[in-house]
């Protein structure tokens, strides 16, 4: 059984930082494209960042220079470090694992940026 468990969300002031984790079981994260998505109320789910099996990373334009995706193969965990947070970053953040026809999602973790 595949499980992706996100953690690390919470409330943070504008300009602050948060680090999200996605712990995987049932798959090997380095075999998958691992992605972070987010969905704000009333908006479509948006791709935030991805890391390929080879370690190549990509970020959405809206988070470039502020968010960093990384992977710890030994812990089978993917991370999203978020700096210089803005109110518009408020959303539920989801971890996704994709490989050909296999597509798995975590349950999401809430990030709220507010003073």
N, C-alpha and C. Protein backbone atom coordinates (compact mmCIF):
# COMPACT_ATOMS: atom_id res chain seq x y z
N UNK A 1 0.84 -1.18 0.00
CA UNK A 1 0.00 0.00 0.00
C UNK A 1 0.89 1.24 0.00
N UNK A 2 0.57 2.16 -0.92
CA UNK A 2 1.36 3.39 -1.03
C UNK A 2 0.77 4.46 -0.13
N UNK A 3 1.64 5.11 0.62
CA UNK A 3 1.21 6.24 1.44
C UNK A 3 2.19 7.39 1.28
N UNK A 4 1.63 8.58 1.10
CA UNK A 4 2.41 9.82 1.13
C UNK A 4 1.84 10.65 2.27
N UNK A 5 2.67 10.96 3.24
CA UNK A 5 2.20 11.67 4.43
C UNK A 5 2.92 13.02 4.52
N UNK A 6 2.15 14.08 4.32
CA UNK A 6 2.72 15.43 4.43
C UNK A 6 2.68 15.92 5.87
N UNK A 7 3.64 16.75 6.19
CA UNK A 7 3.67 17.38 7.52
C UNK A 7 4.42 18.69 7.41
N UNK A 8 4.27 19.52 8.44
CA UNK A 8 5.02 20.76 8.50
C UNK A 8 4.23 22.01 8.21
N UNK A 9 2.96 21.86 7.84
CA UNK A 9 2.15 23.04 7.59
C UNK A 9 1.83 23.78 8.87
N UNK A 10 1.24 24.96 8.70
CA UNK A 10 0.86 25.74 9.86
C UNK A 10 0.62 27.19 9.51
N UNK A 11 0.59 28.02 10.54
CA UNK A 11 0.38 29.45 10.39
C UNK A 11 1.72 30.18 10.51
N UNK A 12 1.98 31.06 9.57
CA UNK A 12 3.23 31.81 9.58
C UNK A 12 2.94 33.23 9.13
N UNK A 13 3.73 34.17 9.63
CA UNK A 13 3.56 35.57 9.23
C UNK A 13 4.19 35.81 7.87
N UNK A 14 3.70 36.80 7.14
CA UNK A 14 4.34 37.16 5.86
C UNK A 14 5.83 37.42 6.05
N UNK A 15 6.60 36.89 5.10
CA UNK A 15 8.06 36.99 5.19
C UNK A 15 8.71 35.85 5.93
N UNK A 16 7.91 35.02 6.56
CA UNK A 16 8.45 33.90 7.33
C UNK A 16 8.74 32.68 6.46
N UNK A 17 9.14 31.60 7.15
CA UNK A 17 9.52 30.37 6.46
C UNK A 17 8.81 29.17 7.07
N UNK A 18 8.61 28.17 6.24
CA UNK A 18 8.08 26.87 6.67
C UNK A 18 8.75 25.80 5.84
N UNK A 19 8.91 24.62 6.44
CA UNK A 19 9.41 23.48 5.71
C UNK A 19 8.41 22.35 5.74
N UNK A 20 8.02 21.88 4.57
CA UNK A 20 7.09 20.76 4.46
C UNK A 20 7.86 19.47 4.18
N UNK A 21 7.33 18.37 4.69
CA UNK A 21 7.90 17.05 4.43
C UNK A 21 6.84 16.15 3.84
N UNK A 22 7.28 15.23 3.01
CA UNK A 22 6.41 14.21 2.43
C UNK A 22 7.13 12.88 2.60
N UNK A 23 6.68 12.11 3.58
CA UNK A 23 7.28 10.81 3.86
C UNK A 23 6.53 9.74 3.07
N UNK A 24 7.26 8.97 2.30
CA UNK A 24 6.64 7.97 1.44
C UNK A 24 6.87 6.56 1.97
N UNK A 25 5.87 5.73 1.79
CA UNK A 25 5.99 4.30 2.04
C UNK A 25 5.31 3.56 0.92
N UNK A 26 5.83 2.39 0.58
CA UNK A 26 5.27 1.61 -0.51
C UNK A 26 5.84 1.95 -1.87
N UNK A 27 6.60 3.02 -1.97
CA UNK A 27 7.31 3.39 -3.19
C UNK A 27 8.70 3.88 -2.80
N UNK A 28 9.55 3.98 -3.80
CA UNK A 28 10.87 4.58 -3.62
C UNK A 28 10.85 5.92 -4.32
N UNK A 29 10.97 7.00 -3.56
CA UNK A 29 10.75 8.33 -4.13
C UNK A 29 11.72 8.64 -5.25
N UNK A 30 12.91 8.07 -5.22
CA UNK A 30 13.89 8.36 -6.26
C UNK A 30 13.53 7.68 -7.59
N UNK A 31 12.53 6.80 -7.58
CA UNK A 31 12.05 6.18 -8.81
C UNK A 31 10.95 6.99 -9.48
N UNK A 32 10.45 8.00 -8.78
CA UNK A 32 9.28 8.76 -9.22
C UNK A 32 9.64 10.22 -9.48
N UNK A 33 8.80 10.86 -10.27
CA UNK A 33 8.78 12.32 -10.27
C UNK A 33 7.96 12.73 -9.06
N UNK A 34 8.57 13.46 -8.18
CA UNK A 34 7.88 13.91 -6.97
C UNK A 34 7.53 15.38 -7.13
N UNK A 35 6.29 15.70 -6.81
CA UNK A 35 5.80 17.06 -7.02
C UNK A 35 5.08 17.58 -5.79
N UNK A 36 5.14 18.87 -5.63
CA UNK A 36 4.30 19.57 -4.65
C UNK A 36 3.30 20.41 -5.43
N UNK A 37 2.05 20.24 -5.08
CA UNK A 37 0.97 21.05 -5.62
C UNK A 37 0.36 21.85 -4.46
N UNK A 38 -0.41 22.85 -4.82
CA UNK A 38 -1.19 23.57 -3.81
C UNK A 38 -2.54 23.96 -4.39
N UNK A 39 -3.48 24.10 -3.48
CA UNK A 39 -4.82 24.52 -3.90
C UNK A 39 -5.37 25.50 -2.88
N UNK A 40 -5.62 26.71 -3.35
CA UNK A 40 -6.22 27.74 -2.51
C UNK A 40 -7.73 27.68 -2.66
N UNK A 41 -8.46 28.18 -1.68
CA UNK A 41 -9.93 28.14 -1.77
C UNK A 41 -10.43 28.82 -3.03
N UNK A 42 -11.30 28.11 -3.75
CA UNK A 42 -11.88 28.67 -4.96
C UNK A 42 -10.98 28.68 -6.17
N UNK A 43 -9.80 28.07 -6.04
CA UNK A 43 -8.85 28.06 -7.16
C UNK A 43 -8.51 26.63 -7.56
N UNK A 44 -7.98 26.49 -8.77
CA UNK A 44 -7.55 25.18 -9.24
C UNK A 44 -6.24 24.77 -8.58
N UNK A 45 -6.04 23.47 -8.53
CA UNK A 45 -4.78 22.96 -7.99
C UNK A 45 -3.64 23.40 -8.90
N UNK A 46 -2.55 23.84 -8.29
CA UNK A 46 -1.42 24.44 -9.02
C UNK A 46 -0.14 23.67 -8.71
N UNK A 47 0.64 23.37 -9.75
CA UNK A 47 1.93 22.74 -9.54
C UNK A 47 2.91 23.78 -9.00
N UNK A 48 3.57 23.45 -7.91
CA UNK A 48 4.49 24.38 -7.27
C UNK A 48 5.94 24.04 -7.60
N UNK A 49 6.30 22.78 -7.44
CA UNK A 49 7.68 22.38 -7.65
C UNK A 49 7.73 20.88 -7.92
N UNK A 50 8.79 20.47 -8.63
CA UNK A 50 8.97 19.06 -8.92
C UNK A 50 10.44 18.69 -8.88
N UNK A 51 10.67 17.40 -8.63
CA UNK A 51 12.03 16.86 -8.68
C UNK A 51 11.96 15.52 -9.39
N UNK A 52 12.78 15.36 -10.40
CA UNK A 52 12.75 14.14 -11.20
C UNK A 52 13.57 13.04 -10.52
N UNK A 53 13.51 11.85 -11.08
CA UNK A 53 14.28 10.74 -10.52
C UNK A 53 15.77 11.01 -10.60
N UNK A 54 16.18 11.80 -11.57
CA UNK A 54 17.61 12.15 -11.70
C UNK A 54 18.01 13.32 -10.81
N UNK A 55 17.01 13.95 -10.18
CA UNK A 55 17.30 15.06 -9.28
C UNK A 55 17.10 16.44 -9.87
N UNK A 56 16.65 16.50 -11.12
CA UNK A 56 16.38 17.80 -11.74
C UNK A 56 15.15 18.43 -11.10
N UNK A 57 15.28 19.70 -10.73
CA UNK A 57 14.17 20.39 -10.08
C UNK A 57 13.60 21.49 -10.96
N UNK A 58 12.33 21.75 -10.76
CA UNK A 58 11.65 22.85 -11.43
C UNK A 58 10.68 23.49 -10.46
N UNK A 59 10.58 24.81 -10.58
CA UNK A 59 9.65 25.57 -9.74
C UNK A 59 8.71 26.38 -10.60
N UNK A 60 7.52 26.60 -10.09
CA UNK A 60 6.61 27.53 -10.72
C UNK A 60 7.19 28.94 -10.64
N UNK A 61 6.84 29.77 -11.61
CA UNK A 61 7.37 31.13 -11.63
C UNK A 61 6.99 31.89 -10.35
N UNK A 62 5.82 31.58 -9.82
CA UNK A 62 5.32 32.31 -8.66
C UNK A 62 6.14 32.05 -7.39
N UNK A 63 6.95 30.98 -7.39
CA UNK A 63 7.72 30.65 -6.18
C UNK A 63 9.22 30.61 -6.42
N UNK A 64 9.65 30.92 -7.65
CA UNK A 64 11.09 30.87 -7.95
C UNK A 64 11.86 31.83 -7.05
N UNK A 65 12.96 31.33 -6.55
CA UNK A 65 13.78 32.13 -5.66
C UNK A 65 13.33 32.10 -4.22
N UNK A 66 12.17 31.51 -3.96
CA UNK A 66 11.64 31.46 -2.59
C UNK A 66 11.47 30.03 -2.08
N UNK A 67 11.06 29.12 -2.94
CA UNK A 67 10.79 27.73 -2.55
C UNK A 67 11.88 26.82 -3.13
N UNK A 68 12.21 25.79 -2.37
CA UNK A 68 13.19 24.81 -2.82
C UNK A 68 12.69 23.41 -2.52
N UNK A 69 12.66 22.58 -3.57
CA UNK A 69 12.28 21.18 -3.39
C UNK A 69 13.55 20.35 -3.30
N UNK A 70 13.52 19.35 -2.43
CA UNK A 70 14.68 18.48 -2.28
C UNK A 70 14.21 17.08 -1.88
N UNK A 71 15.17 16.16 -1.87
CA UNK A 71 14.82 14.77 -1.62
C UNK A 71 15.92 14.13 -0.77
N UNK A 72 15.52 13.33 0.18
CA UNK A 72 16.47 12.54 0.98
C UNK A 72 16.17 11.07 0.70
N UNK A 73 17.00 10.45 -0.12
CA UNK A 73 16.74 9.07 -0.52
C UNK A 73 16.81 8.11 0.67
N UNK A 74 17.71 8.37 1.59
CA UNK A 74 17.85 7.49 2.75
C UNK A 74 16.59 7.49 3.61
N UNK A 75 15.94 8.66 3.69
CA UNK A 75 14.71 8.78 4.47
C UNK A 75 13.46 8.55 3.62
N UNK A 76 13.67 8.39 2.30
CA UNK A 76 12.54 8.22 1.38
C UNK A 76 11.51 9.34 1.56
N UNK A 77 12.03 10.55 1.63
CA UNK A 77 11.21 11.72 1.95
C UNK A 77 11.57 12.87 1.00
N UNK A 78 10.54 13.63 0.65
CA UNK A 78 10.72 14.82 -0.18
C UNK A 78 10.34 16.04 0.68
N UNK A 79 11.05 17.13 0.44
CA UNK A 79 10.86 18.33 1.23
C UNK A 79 10.51 19.52 0.34
N UNK A 80 9.86 20.49 0.94
CA UNK A 80 9.63 21.77 0.28
C UNK A 80 9.96 22.86 1.30
N UNK A 81 11.07 23.54 1.09
CA UNK A 81 11.43 24.64 1.95
C UNK A 81 10.86 25.92 1.36
N UNK A 82 10.08 26.63 2.16
CA UNK A 82 9.38 27.82 1.69
C UNK A 82 9.87 29.02 2.49
N UNK A 83 10.46 29.96 1.79
CA UNK A 83 10.97 31.19 2.42
C UNK A 83 10.23 32.40 1.86
N UNK A 84 10.36 33.51 2.55
CA UNK A 84 9.74 34.77 2.11
C UNK A 84 8.28 34.56 1.75
N UNK A 85 7.56 33.90 2.63
CA UNK A 85 6.18 33.55 2.35
C UNK A 85 5.29 34.78 2.24
N UNK A 86 4.31 34.67 1.36
CA UNK A 86 3.35 35.75 1.09
C UNK A 86 1.94 35.25 1.39
N UNK A 87 1.02 36.17 1.66
CA UNK A 87 -0.36 35.74 1.90
C UNK A 87 -0.93 34.91 0.75
N UNK A 88 -0.51 35.19 -0.46
CA UNK A 88 -1.01 34.43 -1.61
C UNK A 88 -0.46 33.01 -1.68
N UNK A 89 0.47 32.66 -0.81
CA UNK A 89 0.95 31.28 -0.71
C UNK A 89 0.02 30.42 0.14
N UNK A 90 -0.97 31.05 0.75
CA UNK A 90 -1.92 30.31 1.58
C UNK A 90 -2.68 29.30 0.73
N UNK A 91 -2.63 28.03 1.14
CA UNK A 91 -3.26 26.96 0.39
C UNK A 91 -3.08 25.65 1.15
N UNK A 92 -3.77 24.62 0.67
CA UNK A 92 -3.45 23.26 1.09
C UNK A 92 -2.38 22.74 0.13
N UNK A 93 -1.30 22.23 0.69
CA UNK A 93 -0.18 21.73 -0.10
C UNK A 93 -0.22 20.21 -0.14
N UNK A 94 -0.11 19.66 -1.35
CA UNK A 94 -0.20 18.22 -1.57
C UNK A 94 1.09 17.69 -2.16
N UNK A 95 1.46 16.53 -1.71
CA UNK A 95 2.59 15.79 -2.27
C UNK A 95 2.05 14.80 -3.30
N UNK A 96 2.77 14.67 -4.41
CA UNK A 96 2.35 13.78 -5.49
C UNK A 96 3.54 12.97 -5.98
N UNK A 97 3.30 11.70 -6.25
CA UNK A 97 4.32 10.83 -6.84
C UNK A 97 3.79 10.30 -8.16
N UNK A 98 4.57 10.50 -9.23
CA UNK A 98 4.11 10.11 -10.56
C UNK A 98 5.19 9.32 -11.27
N UNK A 99 4.76 8.18 -11.88
CA UNK A 99 5.67 7.37 -12.70
C UNK A 99 4.84 6.60 -13.69
N UNK A 100 4.87 6.99 -14.95
CA UNK A 100 4.06 6.38 -15.99
C UNK A 100 2.59 6.35 -15.57
N UNK A 101 2.03 5.19 -15.33
CA UNK A 101 0.61 5.10 -15.01
C UNK A 101 0.33 5.11 -13.52
N UNK A 102 1.34 5.32 -12.74
CA UNK A 102 1.16 5.34 -11.29
C UNK A 102 1.14 6.79 -10.82
N UNK A 103 0.12 7.13 -10.08
CA UNK A 103 -0.09 8.50 -9.65
C UNK A 103 -0.66 8.49 -8.24
N UNK A 104 0.12 8.93 -7.28
CA UNK A 104 -0.29 8.84 -5.88
C UNK A 104 -0.29 10.24 -5.25
N UNK A 105 -1.21 10.43 -4.29
CA UNK A 105 -1.37 11.72 -3.63
C UNK A 105 -1.39 11.57 -2.12
N UNK A 106 -0.87 12.58 -1.45
CA UNK A 106 -1.01 12.66 -0.02
C UNK A 106 -2.32 13.34 0.34
N UNK A 107 -2.54 13.48 1.64
CA UNK A 107 -3.81 14.02 2.12
C UNK A 107 -3.79 15.55 2.20
N UNK A 108 -2.63 16.13 2.10
CA UNK A 108 -2.50 17.58 2.11
C UNK A 108 -2.20 18.14 3.49
N UNK A 109 -1.55 19.30 3.49
CA UNK A 109 -1.27 20.00 4.74
C UNK A 109 -1.53 21.49 4.52
N UNK A 110 -2.19 22.11 5.47
CA UNK A 110 -2.60 23.50 5.33
C UNK A 110 -1.44 24.43 5.66
N UNK A 111 -1.23 25.40 4.77
CA UNK A 111 -0.28 26.48 5.02
C UNK A 111 -1.06 27.80 4.97
N UNK A 112 -0.96 28.55 6.04
CA UNK A 112 -1.65 29.83 6.12
C UNK A 112 -0.63 30.92 6.41
N UNK A 113 -0.59 31.92 5.52
CA UNK A 113 0.34 33.04 5.69
C UNK A 113 -0.49 34.27 6.02
N UNK A 114 -0.37 34.72 7.24
CA UNK A 114 -1.21 35.83 7.69
C UNK A 114 -0.57 36.50 8.90
N UNK A 115 -0.81 37.80 9.01
CA UNK A 115 -0.33 38.53 10.17
C UNK A 115 -1.42 38.60 11.24
